[in-house]
Structures are given as C-alpha cells and as structure tokens.
Amino acid sequence: MTKRTFIKCQIKCKEHGIWFDSPIYFGTQQAYSNAFTSDNLTTCPIGGEMVPCDKDNMRFEFRDGNGRVFYEEGKDTF
C-alpha cells in the first residue's frame, strides 16, 4: 500500500456548494478516524450560514508517495 500524507480537511457548504478549510484540525488520518464529530458548527465564508462540521460533509486531501493529490469525501457531500 502506498503511504498517504494528510494535507488538509475541508467542509462543504450545501447552500453555496463550496468547500472551505475546516476549523477542526485532525493532523493525521488516524486522528480523524478516532474523532467524534457531532454537533460542531462553523460559518460559511460566502453567506454566513451555520454549516455542520461533521464527517458526513468533510473531505480530506491526501498526497501519495508519488506526489499525486486525491480526496476522500464523507457520505453526505454530494
């Protein structure tokens, strides 16, 4: 398996369809896997709406050993 390096976590505002940096920092994929993210909120930088900071609407940017960037998205980020 190729080693993956965590780069950043982002939140999706469903109202505006944009991704923005999460205020919750996980640091590693293992920290994310162990985290409980319920009832956390942040503000959309476009419209000011309150947006949940839950794993369902987060995506994680990783870089593999070859330098390629890819994302893993939560189940509710359509």
C-alpha atoms as a PDB file:
ATOM      1  CA  MET A   1       0.000   0.000   0.000  1.00  0.00           C
ATOM      2  CA  THR A   2       1.274   3.461  -0.908  1.00  0.00           C
ATOM      3  CA  LYS A   3       1.885   5.788   2.016  1.00  0.00           C
ATOM      4  CA  ARG A   4      -0.541   8.703   2.154  1.00  0.00           C
ATOM      5  CA  THR A   5       0.234  12.069   3.657  1.00  0.00           C
ATOM      6  CA  PHE A   6      -2.657  14.088   5.076  1.00  0.00           C
ATOM      7  CA  ILE A   7      -2.725  17.630   3.690  1.00  0.00           C
ATOM      8  CA  LYS A   8      -5.954  19.276   4.873  1.00  0.00           C
ATOM      9  CA  CYS A   9      -9.583  18.866   5.833  1.00  0.00           C
ATOM     10  CA  GLN A  10     -12.399  20.869   4.259  1.00  0.00           C
ATOM     11  CA  ILE A  11     -16.121  21.392   4.921  1.00  0.00           C
ATOM     12  CA  LYS A  12     -18.813  21.662   2.240  1.00  0.00           C
ATOM     13  CA  CYS A  13     -21.499  24.333   2.427  1.00  0.00           C
ATOM     14  CA  LYS A  14     -24.523  22.739   0.782  1.00  0.00           C
ATOM     15  CA  GLU A  15     -26.213  26.123   0.375  1.00  0.00           C
ATOM     16  CA  HIS A  16     -23.430  27.506  -1.847  1.00  0.00           C
ATOM     17  CA  GLY A  17     -21.762  24.268  -2.985  1.00  0.00           C
ATOM     18  CA  ILE A  18     -18.301  25.429  -1.950  1.00  0.00           C
ATOM     19  CA  TRP A  19     -15.516  23.755   0.008  1.00  0.00           C
ATOM     20  CA  PHE A  20     -13.620  25.711   2.665  1.00  0.00           C
ATOM     21  CA  ASP A  21     -10.987  24.834   5.249  1.00  0.00           C
ATOM     22  CA  SER A  22     -12.283  23.129   8.363  1.00  0.00           C
ATOM     23  CA  PRO A  23     -11.736  24.889  11.700  1.00  0.00           C
ATOM     24  CA  ILE A  24     -11.182  21.422  13.196  1.00  0.00           C
ATOM     25  CA  TYR A  25      -7.646  20.193  12.632  1.00  0.00           C
ATOM     26  CA  PHE A  26      -7.059  16.443  12.752  1.00  0.00           C
ATOM     27  CA  GLY A  27      -3.375  16.253  11.825  1.00  0.00           C
ATOM     28  CA  THR A  28      -3.437  12.627  10.734  1.00  0.00           C
ATOM     29  CA  GLN A  29      -5.855  10.189   9.185  1.00  0.00           C
ATOM     30  CA  GLN A  30      -5.704   8.130  12.394  1.00  0.00           C
ATOM     31  CA  ALA A  31      -6.755  11.157  14.473  1.00  0.00           C
ATOM     32  CA  TYR A  32      -9.689  11.690  12.117  1.00  0.00           C
ATOM     33  CA  SER A  33     -10.681   8.025  12.324  1.00  0.00           C
ATOM     34  CA  ASN A  34     -10.749   8.222  16.128  1.00  0.00           C
ATOM     35  CA  ALA A  35     -12.568  11.568  16.318  1.00  0.00           C
ATOM     36  CA  PHE A  36     -16.227  12.038  17.179  1.00  0.00           C
ATOM     37  CA  THR A  37     -17.554  14.983  15.157  1.00  0.00           C
ATOM     38  CA  SER A  38     -21.129  15.652  16.154  1.00  0.00           C
ATOM     39  CA  ASP A  39     -22.912  18.955  16.776  1.00  0.00           C
ATOM     40  CA  ASN A  40     -19.934  21.091  15.662  1.00  0.00           C
ATOM     41  CA  LEU A  41     -20.762  24.165  13.582  1.00  0.00           C
ATOM     42  CA  THR A  42     -18.823  26.716  11.556  1.00  0.00           C
ATOM     43  CA  THR A  43     -19.773  29.718   9.433  1.00  0.00           C
ATOM     44  CA  CYS A  44     -19.894  29.646   5.633  1.00  0.00           C
ATOM     45  CA  PRO A  45     -17.412  32.239   4.328  1.00  0.00           C
ATOM     46  CA  ILE A  46     -19.795  33.192   1.480  1.00  0.00           C
ATOM     47  CA  GLY A  47     -23.198  33.671   3.103  1.00  0.00           C
ATOM     48  CA  GLY A  48     -22.574  33.382   6.835  1.00  0.00           C
ATOM     49  CA  GLU A  49     -24.880  30.384   7.304  1.00  0.00           C
ATOM     50  CA  MET A  50     -24.078  27.893  10.026  1.00  0.00           C
ATOM     51  CA  VAL A  51     -22.646  24.721   8.491  1.00  0.00           C
ATOM     52  CA  PRO A  52     -22.187  21.421  10.369  1.00  0.00           C
ATOM     53  CA  CYS A  53     -18.594  20.217  10.853  1.00  0.00           C
ATOM     54  CA  ASP A  54     -19.382  16.535  10.755  1.00  0.00           C
ATOM     55  CA  LYS A  55     -17.571  13.704   8.991  1.00  0.00           C
ATOM     56  CA  ASP A  56     -20.531  13.404   6.613  1.00  0.00           C
ATOM     57  CA  ASN A  57     -19.802  16.753   4.949  1.00  0.00           C
ATOM     58  CA  MET A  58     -15.992  16.765   5.174  1.00  0.00           C
ATOM     59  CA  ARG A  59     -13.369  15.864   2.651  1.00  0.00           C
ATOM     60  CA  PHE A  60      -9.741  15.082   3.239  1.00  0.00           C
ATOM     61  CA  GLU A  61      -6.939  15.910   0.885  1.00  0.00           C
ATOM     62  CA  PHE A  62      -4.055  13.468   0.779  1.00  0.00           C
ATOM     63  CA  ARG A  63      -0.835  13.152  -1.197  1.00  0.00           C
ATOM     64  CA  ASP A  64       0.508   9.733  -2.084  1.00  0.00           C
ATOM     65  CA  GLY A  65       4.153   8.697  -2.316  1.00  0.00           C
ATOM     66  CA  ASN A  66       4.227   9.767  -5.977  1.00  0.00           C
ATOM     67  CA  GLY A  67       3.038  13.313  -5.179  1.00  0.00           C
ATOM     68  CA  ARG A  68      -0.480  12.825  -6.546  1.00  0.00           C
ATOM     69  CA  VAL A  69      -3.251  14.608  -4.644  1.00  0.00           C
ATOM     70  CA  PHE A  70      -6.574  12.888  -4.038  1.00  0.00           C
ATOM     71  CA  TYR A  71      -9.642  13.301  -1.839  1.00  0.00           C
ATOM     72  CA  GLU A  72     -11.768  11.150   0.418  1.00  0.00           C
ATOM     73  CA  GLU A  73     -15.238  12.583   0.956  1.00  0.00           C
ATOM     74  CA  GLY A  74     -17.878  11.954   3.579  1.00  0.00           C
ATOM     75  CA  LYS A  75     -21.091  10.204   2.605  1.00  0.00           C
ATOM     76  CA  ASP A  76     -23.192  13.364   2.565  1.00  0.00           C
ATOM     77  CA  THR A  77     -21.051  15.639   0.359  1.00  0.00           C
ATOM     78  CA  PHE A  78     -22.940  15.187  -2.900  1.00  0.00           C
END
